[in-house]
Amino acid sequence: MRICFLLKVRAERLNEYKERHAHVWPEMLEALREAGWRNYSIFLGPDGLLVGYLEAEDFERCRTAMKGYEVNARWQAEMAAFFEPMAGDADDNMIPLEEVFHLD
């Protein structure tokens, strides 16, 4: 299944957010792969609009699996200040958008 979601990064933190994602911790990358996240990409607009895309067999199972990794808790804690205010962490706010068209 293909998943797309939106989040909002604070405009004043865009450059630092991009820099952090240029150097994602190897153990975080490994956890994502082990949890079933595939073809994961993040796109960022100049206004802070973040568009995430990934492929997974079962997105809810993947998100639940990530909650079991200590490295994810550390990553979420460090990244929380980059986002506009929201309830919960970024993982909790990855609400899949409805796919209405796909070329293939």
PDB file of N, CA and C in Angstrom:
ATOM      1  N   MET A   1       0.836  -1.173   0.000  1.00  0.00           N
ATOM      2  CA  MET A   1       0.000   0.000   0.000  1.00  0.00           C
ATOM      3  C   MET A   1       0.885   1.241   0.000  1.00  0.00           C
ATOM      4  N   ARG A   2       0.408   2.268  -0.698  1.00  0.00           N
ATOM      5  CA  ARG A   2       1.104   3.556  -0.747  1.00  0.00           C
ATOM      6  C   ARG A   2       0.465   4.485   0.283  1.00  0.00           C
ATOM      7  N   ILE A   3       1.300   5.192   1.036  1.00  0.00           N
ATOM      8  CA  ILE A   3       0.835   6.105   2.077  1.00  0.00           C
ATOM      9  C   ILE A   3       1.418   7.483   1.813  1.00  0.00           C
ATOM     10  N   CYS A   4       0.574   8.490   1.897  1.00  0.00           N
ATOM     11  CA  CYS A   4       1.014   9.884   1.809  1.00  0.00           C
ATOM     12  C   CYS A   4       0.410  10.617   3.005  1.00  0.00           C
ATOM     13  N   PHE A   5       1.193  11.483   3.643  1.00  0.00           N
ATOM     14  CA  PHE A   5       0.708  12.230   4.804  1.00  0.00           C
ATOM     15  C   PHE A   5       1.313  13.629   4.793  1.00  0.00           C
ATOM     16  N   LEU A   6       0.693  14.530   5.554  1.00  0.00           N
ATOM     17  CA  LEU A   6       1.137  15.914   5.667  1.00  0.00           C
ATOM     18  C   LEU A   6       1.471  16.234   7.118  1.00  0.00           C
ATOM     19  N   LEU A   7       2.505  17.034   7.299  1.00  0.00           N
ATOM     20  CA  LEU A   7       2.834  17.624   8.589  1.00  0.00           C
ATOM     21  C   LEU A   7       3.267  19.058   8.311  1.00  0.00           C
ATOM     22  N   LYS A   8       3.501  19.838   9.349  1.00  0.00           N
ATOM     23  CA  LYS A   8       3.911  21.227   9.165  1.00  0.00           C
ATOM     24  C   LYS A   8       5.148  21.521  10.020  1.00  0.00           C
ATOM     25  N   VAL A   9       6.243  21.863   9.342  1.00  0.00           N
ATOM     26  CA  VAL A   9       7.501  22.218  10.009  1.00  0.00           C
ATOM     27  C   VAL A   9       7.495  23.731  10.253  1.00  0.00           C
ATOM     28  N   ARG A  10       8.004  24.141  11.386  1.00  0.00           N
ATOM     29  CA  ARG A  10       8.097  25.574  11.690  1.00  0.00           C
ATOM     30  C   ARG A  10       8.988  26.262  10.642  1.00  0.00           C
ATOM     31  N   ALA A  11       8.493  27.335  10.084  1.00  0.00           N
ATOM     32  CA  ALA A  11       9.200  28.036   9.003  1.00  0.00           C
ATOM     33  C   ALA A  11      10.611  28.447   9.417  1.00  0.00           C
ATOM     34  N   GLU A  12      10.788  28.861  10.651  1.00  0.00           N
ATOM     35  CA  GLU A  12      12.106  29.323  11.105  1.00  0.00           C
ATOM     36  C   GLU A  12      13.088  28.180  11.336  1.00  0.00           C
ATOM     37  N   ARG A  13      12.636  26.924  11.241  1.00  0.00           N
ATOM     38  CA  ARG A  13      13.501  25.768  11.483  1.00  0.00           C
ATOM     39  C   ARG A  13      13.744  24.923  10.231  1.00  0.00           C
ATOM     40  N   LEU A  14      13.317  25.411   9.064  1.00  0.00           N
ATOM     41  CA  LEU A  14      13.406  24.617   7.834  1.00  0.00           C
ATOM     42  C   LEU A  14      14.823  24.164   7.515  1.00  0.00           C
ATOM     43  N   ASN A  15      15.771  25.075   7.548  1.00  0.00           N
ATOM     44  CA  ASN A  15      17.144  24.705   7.181  1.00  0.00           C
ATOM     45  C   ASN A  15      17.724  23.662   8.131  1.00  0.00           C
ATOM     46  N   GLU A  16      17.489  23.831   9.411  1.00  0.00           N
ATOM     47  CA  GLU A  16      18.001  22.858  10.376  1.00  0.00           C
ATOM     48  C   GLU A  16      17.294  21.510  10.212  1.00  0.00           C
ATOM     49  N   TYR A  17      15.993  21.541   9.915  1.00  0.00           N
ATOM     50  CA  TYR A  17      15.251  20.301   9.688  1.00  0.00           C
ATOM     51  C   TYR A  17      15.852  19.540   8.504  1.00  0.00           C
ATOM     52  N   LYS A  18      16.120  20.254   7.427  1.00  0.00           N
ATOM     53  CA  LYS A  18      16.720  19.617   6.252  1.00  0.00           C
ATOM     54  C   LYS A  18      18.107  19.065   6.576  1.00  0.00           C
ATOM     55  N   GLU A  19      18.887  19.811   7.332  1.00  0.00           N
ATOM     56  CA  GLU A  19      20.226  19.360   7.709  1.00  0.00           C
ATOM     57  C   GLU A  19      20.153  18.086   8.550  1.00  0.00           C
ATOM     58  N   ARG A  20      19.215  18.022   9.486  1.00  0.00           N
ATOM     59  CA  ARG A  20      19.065  16.825  10.316  1.00  0.00           C
ATOM     60  C   ARG A  20      18.738  15.600   9.461  1.00  0.00           C
ATOM     61  N   HIS A  21      17.937  15.804   8.423  1.00  0.00           N
ATOM     62  CA  HIS A  21      17.550  14.671   7.578  1.00  0.00           C
ATOM     63  C   HIS A  21      18.626  14.316   6.555  1.00  0.00           C
ATOM     64  N   ALA A  22      19.608  15.140   6.415  1.00  0.00           N
ATOM     65  CA  ALA A  22      20.768  14.777   5.588  1.00  0.00           C
ATOM     66  C   ALA A  22      21.681  13.816   6.355  1.00  0.00           C
ATOM     67  N   HIS A  23      21.448  13.709   7.671  1.00  0.00           N
ATOM     68  CA  HIS A  23      22.298  12.883   8.527  1.00  0.00           C
ATOM     69  C   HIS A  23      21.461  12.070   9.515  1.00  0.00           C
ATOM     70  N   VAL A  24      20.462  11.356   9.012  1.00  0.00           N
ATOM     71  CA  VAL A  24      19.635  10.515   9.888  1.00  0.00           C
ATOM     72  C   VAL A  24      20.519   9.420  10.476  1.00  0.00           C
ATOM     73  N   TRP A  25      20.337   9.169  11.751  1.00  0.00           N
ATOM     74  CA  TRP A  25      21.136   8.166  12.440  1.00  0.00           C
ATOM     75  C   TRP A  25      20.999   6.807  11.762  1.00  0.00           C
ATOM     76  N   PRO A  26      22.099   6.097  11.571  1.00  0.00           N
ATOM     77  CA  PRO A  26      22.041   4.769  10.950  1.00  0.00           C
ATOM     78  C   PRO A  26      21.096   3.811  11.676  1.00  0.00           C
ATOM     79  N   GLU A  27      21.052   3.862  13.010  1.00  0.00           N
ATOM     80  CA  GLU A  27      20.163   2.967  13.748  1.00  0.00           C
ATOM     81  C   GLU A  27      18.691   3.326  13.541  1.00  0.00           C
ATOM     82  N   MET A  28      18.412   4.602  13.240  1.00  0.00           N
ATOM     83  CA  MET A  28      17.038   4.998  12.922  1.00  0.00           C
ATOM     84  C   MET A  28      16.650   4.467  11.541  1.00  0.00           C
ATOM     85  N   LEU A  29      17.550   4.564  10.593  1.00  0.00           N
ATOM     86  CA  LEU A  29      17.295   4.023   9.251  1.00  0.00           C
ATOM     87  C   LEU A  29      17.049   2.516   9.320  1.00  0.00           C
ATOM     88  N   GLU A  30      17.852   1.835  10.121  1.00  0.00           N
ATOM     89  CA  GLU A  30      17.699   0.391  10.278  1.00  0.00           C
ATOM     90  C   GLU A  30      16.351   0.048  10.909  1.00  0.00           C
ATOM     91  N   ALA A  31      15.943   0.819  11.916  1.00  0.00           N
ATOM     92  CA  ALA A  31      14.658   0.570  12.575  1.00  0.00           C
ATOM     93  C   ALA A  31      13.500   0.753  11.592  1.00  0.00           C
ATOM     94  N   LEU A  32      13.549   1.789  10.792  1.00  0.00           N
ATOM     95  CA  LEU A  32      12.493   2.009   9.796  1.00  0.00           C
ATOM     96  C   LEU A  32      12.389   0.827   8.838  1.00  0.00           C
ATOM     97  N   ARG A  33      13.528   0.379   8.354  1.00  0.00           N
ATOM     98  CA  ARG A  33      13.523  -0.766   7.428  1.00  0.00           C
ATOM     99  C   ARG A  33      12.992  -2.027   8.113  1.00  0.00           C
ATOM    100  N   GLU A  34      13.457  -2.286   9.323  1.00  0.00           N
ATOM    101  CA  GLU A  34      13.008  -3.478  10.053  1.00  0.00           C
ATOM    102  C   GLU A  34      11.511  -3.428  10.345  1.00  0.00           C
ATOM    103  N   ALA A  35      10.979  -2.229  10.567  1.00  0.00           N
ATOM    104  CA  ALA A  35       9.559  -2.061  10.882  1.00  0.00           C
ATOM    105  C   ALA A  35       8.675  -2.145   9.635  1.00  0.00           C
ATOM    106  N   GLY A  36       9.299  -2.209   8.452  1.00  0.00           N
ATOM    107  CA  GLY A  36       8.519  -2.396   7.235  1.00  0.00           C
ATOM    108  C   GLY A  36       8.296  -1.172   6.386  1.00  0.00           C
ATOM    109  N   TRP A  37       8.957  -0.060   6.681  1.00  0.00           N
ATOM    110  CA  TRP A  37       8.824   1.153   5.872  1.00  0.00           C
ATOM    111  C   TRP A  37       9.672   0.977   4.613  1.00  0.00           C
ATOM    112  N   ARG A  38       9.070   1.189   3.455  1.00  0.00           N
ATOM    113  CA  ARG A  38       9.768   1.034   2.180  1.00  0.00           C
ATOM    114  C   ARG A  38       9.554   2.278   1.320  1.00  0.00           C
ATOM    115  N   ASN A  39      10.552   2.581   0.513  1.00  0.00           N
ATOM    116  CA  ASN A  39      10.445   3.688  -0.445  1.00  0.00           C
ATOM    117  C   ASN A  39       9.966   4.961   0.254  1.00  0.00           C
ATOM    118  N   TYR A  40      10.530   5.241   1.420  1.00  0.00           N
ATOM    119  CA  TYR A  40      10.107   6.375   2.258  1.00  0.00           C
ATOM    120  C   TYR A  40      10.805   7.640   1.799  1.00  0.00           C
ATOM    121  N   SER A  41      10.017   8.677   1.520  1.00  0.00           N
ATOM    122  CA  SER A  41      10.537   9.980   1.104  1.00  0.00           C
ATOM    123  C   SER A  41       9.824  11.078   1.872  1.00  0.00           C
ATOM    124  N   ILE A  42      10.531  12.167   2.094  1.00  0.00           N
ATOM    125  CA  ILE A  42       9.958  13.362   2.708  1.00  0.00           C
ATOM    126  C   ILE A  42      10.234  14.521   1.768  1.00  0.00           C
ATOM    127  N   PHE A  43       9.190  15.291   1.484  1.00  0.00           N
ATOM    128  CA  PHE A  43       9.298  16.487   0.653  1.00  0.00           C
ATOM    129  C   PHE A  43       8.916  17.679   1.513  1.00  0.00           C
ATOM    130  N   LEU A  44       9.588  18.816   1.310  1.00  0.00           N
ATOM    131  CA  LEU A  44       9.368  19.980   2.167  1.00  0.00           C
ATOM    132  C   LEU A  44       9.219  21.233   1.320  1.00  0.00           C
ATOM    133  N   GLY A  45       8.112  21.946   1.507  1.00  0.00           N
ATOM    134  CA  GLY A  45       7.869  23.193   0.800  1.00  0.00           C
ATOM    135  C   GLY A  45       8.494  24.363   1.528  1.00  0.00           C
ATOM    136  N   PRO A  46       8.657  25.498   0.855  1.00  0.00           N
ATOM    137  CA  PRO A  46       9.279  26.671   1.471  1.00  0.00           C
ATOM    138  C   PRO A  46       8.457  27.262   2.611  1.00  0.00           C
ATOM    139  N   ASP A  47       7.184  26.899   2.692  1.00  0.00           N
ATOM    140  CA  ASP A  47       6.320  27.368   3.782  1.00  0.00           C
ATOM    141  C   ASP A  47       6.284  26.400   4.956  1.00  0.00           C
ATOM    142  N   GLY A  48       7.036  25.296   4.867  1.00  0.00           N
ATOM    143  CA  GLY A  48       7.079  24.314   5.944  1.00  0.00           C
ATOM    144  C   GLY A  48       6.146  23.135   5.747  1.00  0.00           C
ATOM    145  N   LEU A  49       5.376  23.141   4.656  1.00  0.00           N
ATOM    146  CA  LEU A  49       4.499  21.999   4.401  1.00  0.00           C
ATOM    147  C   LEU A  49       5.359  20.782   4.107  1.00  0.00           C
ATOM    148  N   LEU A  50       5.173  19.731   4.886  1.00  0.00           N
ATOM    149  CA  LEU A  50       5.912  18.494   4.727  1.00  0.00           C
ATOM    150  C   LEU A  50       4.967  17.448   4.145  1.00  0.00           C
ATOM    151  N   VAL A  51       5.418  16.809   3.080  1.00  0.00           N
ATOM    152  CA  VAL A  51       4.669  15.720   2.464  1.00  0.00           C
ATOM    153  C   VAL A  51       5.528  14.471   2.592  1.00  0.00           C
ATOM    154  N   GLY A  52       4.979  13.468   3.248  1.00  0.00           N
ATOM    155  CA  GLY A  52       5.682  12.209   3.401  1.00  0.00           C
ATOM    156  C   GLY A  52       5.045  11.149   2.526  1.00  0.00           C
ATOM    157  N   TYR A  53       5.870  10.273   1.981  1.00  0.00           N
ATOM    158  CA  TYR A  53       5.386   9.176   1.151  1.00  0.00           C
ATOM    159  C   TYR A  53       6.153   7.917   1.537  1.00  0.00           C
ATOM    160  N   LEU A  54       5.428   6.805   1.645  1.00  0.00           N
ATOM    161  CA  LEU A  54       6.080   5.529   1.888  1.00  0.00           C
ATOM    162  C   LEU A  54       5.198   4.412   1.366  1.00  0.00           C
ATOM    163  N   GLU A  55       5.789   3.254   1.280  1.00  0.00           N
ATOM    164  CA  GLU A  55       5.055   2.055   0.919  1.00  0.00           C
ATOM    165  C   GLU A  55       5.233   1.053   2.052  1.00  0.00           C
ATOM    166  N   ALA A  56       4.149   0.350   2.383  1.00  0.00           N
ATOM    167  CA  ALA A  56       4.182  -0.613   3.484  1.00  0.00           C
ATOM    168  C   ALA A  56       3.070  -1.630   3.281  1.00  0.00           C
ATOM    169  N   GLU A  57       3.292  -2.817   3.787  1.00  0.00           N
ATOM    170  CA  GLU A  57       2.251  -3.842   3.742  1.00  0.00           C
ATOM    171  C   GLU A  57       1.062  -3.417   4.608  1.00  0.00           C
ATOM    172  N   ASP A  58       1.355  -2.919   5.810  1.00  0.00           N
ATOM    173  CA  ASP A  58       0.318  -2.517   6.767  1.00  0.00           C
ATOM    174  C   ASP A  58       0.867  -1.313   7.536  1.00  0.00           C
ATOM    175  N   PHE A  59       0.390  -0.126   7.197  1.00  0.00           N
ATOM    176  CA  PHE A  59       0.934   1.106   7.771  1.00  0.00           C
ATOM    177  C   PHE A  59       0.767   1.159   9.281  1.00  0.00           C
ATOM    178  N   GLU A  60      -0.384   0.780   9.791  1.00  0.00           N
ATOM    179  CA  GLU A  60      -0.590   0.815  11.242  1.00  0.00           C
ATOM    180  C   GLU A  60       0.370  -0.122  11.958  1.00  0.00           C
ATOM    181  N   ARG A  61       0.605  -1.277  11.387  1.00  0.00           N
ATOM    182  CA  ARG A  61       1.564  -2.214  11.982  1.00  0.00           C
ATOM    183  C   ARG A  61       2.968  -1.606  11.960  1.00  0.00           C
ATOM    184  N   CYS A  62       3.320  -0.921  10.885  1.00  0.00           N
ATOM    185  CA  CYS A  62       4.638  -0.272  10.799  1.00  0.00           C
ATOM    186  C   CYS A  62       4.794   0.823  11.843  1.00  0.00           C
ATOM    187  N   ARG A  63       3.760   1.645  12.010  1.00  0.00           N
ATOM    188  CA  ARG A  63       3.831   2.713  13.018  1.00  0.00           C
ATOM    189  C   ARG A  63       3.923   2.121  14.422  1.00  0.00           C
ATOM    190  N   THR A  64       3.152   1.090  14.676  1.00  0.00           N
ATOM    191  CA  THR A  64       3.205   0.425  15.981  1.00  0.00           C
ATOM    192  C   THR A  64       4.583  -0.175  16.224  1.00  0.00           C
ATOM    193  N   ALA A  65       5.152  -0.798  15.204  1.00  0.00           N
ATOM    194  CA  ALA A  65       6.486  -1.388  15.339  1.00  0.00           C
ATOM    195  C   ALA A  65       7.517  -0.320  15.690  1.00  0.00           C
ATOM    196  N   MET A  66       7.417   0.857  15.064  1.00  0.00           N
ATOM    197  CA  MET A  66       8.386   1.924  15.351  1.00  0.00           C
ATOM    198  C   MET A  66       8.307   2.371  16.803  1.00  0.00           C
ATOM    199  N   LYS A  67       7.133   2.331  17.400  1.00  0.00           N
ATOM    200  CA  LYS A  67       6.987   2.722  18.811  1.00  0.00           C
ATOM    201  C   LYS A  67       7.805   1.810  19.718  1.00  0.00           C
ATOM    202  N   GLY A  68       8.138   0.614  19.254  1.00  0.00           N
ATOM    203  CA  GLY A  68       8.911  -0.332  20.048  1.00  0.00           C
ATOM    204  C   GLY A  68      10.413  -0.128  19.984  1.00  0.00           C
ATOM    205  N   TYR A  69      10.868   0.797  19.156  1.00  0.00           N
ATOM    206  CA  TYR A  69      12.303   1.052  19.028  1.00  0.00           C
ATOM    207  C   TYR A  69      12.708   2.242  19.892  1.00  0.00           C
ATOM    208  N   GLU A  70      13.667   2.033  20.754  1.00  0.00           N
ATOM    209  CA  GLU A  70      14.174   3.111  21.605  1.00  0.00           C
ATOM    210  C   GLU A  70      14.717   4.256  20.777  1.00  0.00           C
ATOM    211  N   VAL A  71      15.365   3.955  19.652  1.00  0.00           N
ATOM    212  CA  VAL A  71      15.926   5.001  18.813  1.00  0.00           C
ATOM    213  C   VAL A  71      14.823   5.911  18.270  1.00  0.00           C
ATOM    214  N   ASN A  72      13.645   5.375  18.024  1.00  0.00           N
ATOM    215  CA  ASN A  72      12.538   6.203  17.541  1.00  0.00           C
ATOM    216  C   ASN A  72      12.099   7.198  18.610  1.00  0.00           C
ATOM    217  N   ALA A  73      12.052   6.764  19.855  1.00  0.00           N
ATOM    218  CA  ALA A  73      11.689   7.674  20.947  1.00  0.00           C
ATOM    219  C   ALA A  73      12.692   8.821  21.045  1.00  0.00           C
ATOM    220  N   ARG A  74      13.980   8.502  20.925  1.00  0.00           N
ATOM    221  CA  ARG A  74      15.009   9.558  20.959  1.00  0.00           C
ATOM    222  C   ARG A  74      14.866  10.500  19.775  1.00  0.00           C
ATOM    223  N   TRP A  75      14.642   9.933  18.570  1.00  0.00           N
ATOM    224  CA  TRP A  75      14.505  10.754  17.358  1.00  0.00           C
ATOM    225  C   TRP A  75      13.281  11.673  17.477  1.00  0.00           C
ATOM    226  N   GLN A  76      12.158  11.115  17.901  1.00  0.00           N
ATOM    227  CA  GLN A  76      10.943  11.920  18.034  1.00  0.00           C
ATOM    228  C   GLN A  76      11.142  13.047  19.047  1.00  0.00           C
ATOM    229  N   ALA A  77      11.816  12.770  20.142  1.00  0.00           N
ATOM    230  CA  ALA A  77      12.067  13.796  21.161  1.00  0.00           C
ATOM    231  C   ALA A  77      12.924  14.923  20.597  1.00  0.00           C
ATOM    232  N   GLU A  78      13.935  14.571  19.817  1.00  0.00           N
ATOM    233  CA  GLU A  78      14.807  15.597  19.232  1.00  0.00           C
ATOM    234  C   GLU A  78      14.121  16.394  18.138  1.00  0.00           C
ATOM    235  N   MET A  79      13.203  15.769  17.405  1.00  0.00           N
ATOM    236  CA  MET A  79      12.570  16.424  16.267  1.00  0.00           C
ATOM    237  C   MET A  79      11.306  17.188  16.634  1.00  0.00           C
ATOM    238  N   ALA A  80      10.755  16.975  17.804  1.00  0.00           N
ATOM    239  CA  ALA A  80       9.467  17.579  18.186  1.00  0.00           C
ATOM    240  C   ALA A  80       9.447  19.099  18.028  1.00  0.00           C
ATOM    241  N   ALA A  81      10.533  19.763  18.374  1.00  0.00           N
ATOM    242  CA  ALA A  81      10.572  21.227  18.318  1.00  0.00           C
ATOM    243  C   ALA A  81      10.543  21.782  16.896  1.00  0.00           C
ATOM    244  N   PHE A  82      10.737  20.942  15.903  1.00  0.00           N
ATOM    245  CA  PHE A  82      10.727  21.400  14.516  1.00  0.00           C
ATOM    246  C   PHE A  82       9.312  21.569  13.957  1.00  0.00           C
ATOM    247  N   PHE A  83       8.337  20.959  14.608  1.00  0.00           N
ATOM    248  CA  PHE A  83       6.981  20.944  14.071  1.00  0.00           C
ATOM    249  C   PHE A  83       6.085  22.001  14.707  1.00  0.00           C
ATOM    250  N   GLU A  84       5.116  22.458  13.909  1.00  0.00           N
ATOM    251  CA  GLU A  84       4.065  23.309  14.449  1.00  0.00           C
ATOM    252  C   GLU A  84       3.377  22.523  15.568  1.00  0.00           C
ATOM    253  N   PRO A  85       2.778  23.209  16.538  1.00  0.00           N
ATOM    254  CA  PRO A  85       2.137  22.504  17.652  1.00  0.00           C
ATOM    255  C   PRO A  85       1.113  21.468  17.175  1.00  0.00           C
ATOM    256  N   MET A  86       1.155  20.292  17.810  1.00  0.00           N
ATOM    257  CA  MET A  86       0.215  19.216  17.502  1.00  0.00           C
ATOM    258  C   MET A  86       0.087  18.323  18.720  1.00  0.00           C
ATOM    259  N   ALA A  87      -0.990  17.592  18.769  1.00  0.00           N
ATOM    260  CA  ALA A  87      -1.197  16.636  19.861  1.00  0.00           C
ATOM    261  C   ALA A  87      -0.408  15.372  19.545  1.00  0.00           C
ATOM    262  N   GLY A  88       0.398  14.900  20.464  1.00  0.00           N
ATOM    263  CA  GLY A  88       1.207  13.709  20.229  1.00  0.00           C
ATOM    264  C   GLY A  88       2.466  14.039  19.452  1.00  0.00           C
ATOM    265  N   ASP A  89       3.166  12.981  19.025  1.00  0.00           N
ATOM    266  CA  ASP A  89       4.389  13.193  18.254  1.00  0.00           C
ATOM    267  C   ASP A  89       4.092  13.098  16.763  1.00  0.00           C
ATOM    268  N   ALA A  90       5.105  13.308  15.952  1.00  0.00           N
ATOM    269  CA  ALA A  90       4.924  13.295  14.498  1.00  0.00           C
ATOM    270  C   ALA A  90       4.373  11.962  14.020  1.00  0.00           C
ATOM    271  N   ASP A  91       4.847  10.860  14.596  1.00  0.00           N
ATOM    272  CA  ASP A  91       4.335   9.546  14.198  1.00  0.00           C
ATOM    273  C   ASP A  91       2.824   9.458  14.380  1.00  0.00           C
ATOM    274  N   ASP A  92       2.327  10.021  15.495  1.00  0.00           N
ATOM    275  CA  ASP A  92       0.891   9.978  15.776  1.00  0.00           C
ATOM    276  C   ASP A  92       0.091  10.831  14.793  1.00  0.00           C
ATOM    277  N   ASN A  93       0.739  11.801  14.174  1.00  0.00           N
ATOM    278  CA  ASN A  93       0.058  12.736  13.289  1.00  0.00           C
ATOM    279  C   ASN A  93       0.250  12.433  11.807  1.00  0.00           C
ATOM    280  N   MET A  94       0.808  11.286  11.509  1.00  0.00           N
ATOM    281  CA  MET A  94       0.934  10.855  10.110  1.00  0.00           C
ATOM    282  C   MET A  94      -0.398  10.235   9.682  1.00  0.00           C
ATOM    283  N   ILE A  95      -1.344  11.081   9.364  1.00  0.00           N
ATOM    284  CA  ILE A  95      -2.679  10.622   8.977  1.00  0.00           C
ATOM    285  C   ILE A  95      -2.685  10.432   7.460  1.00  0.00           C
ATOM    286  N   PRO A  96      -2.863   9.205   6.997  1.00  0.00           N
ATOM    287  CA  PRO A  96      -2.813   8.961   5.554  1.00  0.00           C
ATOM    288  C   PRO A  96      -3.887   9.733   4.792  1.00  0.00           C
ATOM    289  N   LEU A  97      -3.465  10.319   3.680  1.00  0.00           N
ATOM    290  CA  LEU A  97      -4.403  10.973   2.770  1.00  0.00           C
ATOM    291  C   LEU A  97      -5.053   9.911   1.903  1.00  0.00           C
ATOM    292  N   GLU A  98      -6.238  10.191   1.439  1.00  0.00           N
ATOM    293  CA  GLU A  98      -6.936   9.255   0.557  1.00  0.00           C
ATOM    294  C   GLU A  98      -6.347   9.327  -0.845  1.00  0.00           C
ATOM    295  N   GLU A  99      -5.957   8.191  -1.371  1.00  0.00           N
ATOM    296  CA  GLU A  99      -5.469   8.142  -2.754  1.00  0.00           C
ATOM    297  C   GLU A  99      -6.675   8.114  -3.690  1.00  0.00           C
ATOM    298  N   VAL A 100      -6.726   9.082  -4.604  1.00  0.00           N
ATOM    299  CA  VAL A 100      -7.865   9.164  -5.515  1.00  0.00           C
ATOM    300  C   VAL A 100      -7.476   8.853  -6.966  1.00  0.00           C
ATOM    301  N   PHE A 101      -6.172   8.775  -7.238  1.00  0.00           N
ATOM    302  CA  PHE A 101      -5.718   8.414  -8.580  1.00  0.00           C
ATOM    303  C   PHE A 101      -4.310   7.871  -8.502  1.00  0.00           C
ATOM    304  N   HIS A 102      -4.042   6.874  -9.319  1.00  0.00           N
ATOM    305  CA  HIS A 102      -2.691   6.342  -9.469  1.00  0.00           C
ATOM    306  C   HIS A 102      -2.548   5.891 -10.915  1.00  0.00           C
ATOM    307  N   LEU A 103      -1.520   6.346 -11.599  1.00  0.00           N
ATOM    308  CA  LEU A 103      -1.346   6.073 -13.034  1.00  0.00           C
ATOM    309  C   LEU A 103      -1.277   4.593 -13.337  1.00  0.00           C
ATOM    310  N   ASP A 104      -0.554   3.838 -12.541  1.00  0.00           N
ATOM    311  CA  ASP A 104      -0.432   2.412 -12.800  1.00  0.00           C
ATOM    312  C   ASP A 104      -1.613   1.714 -12.231  1.00  0.00           C
TER     313      ASP A 104
END
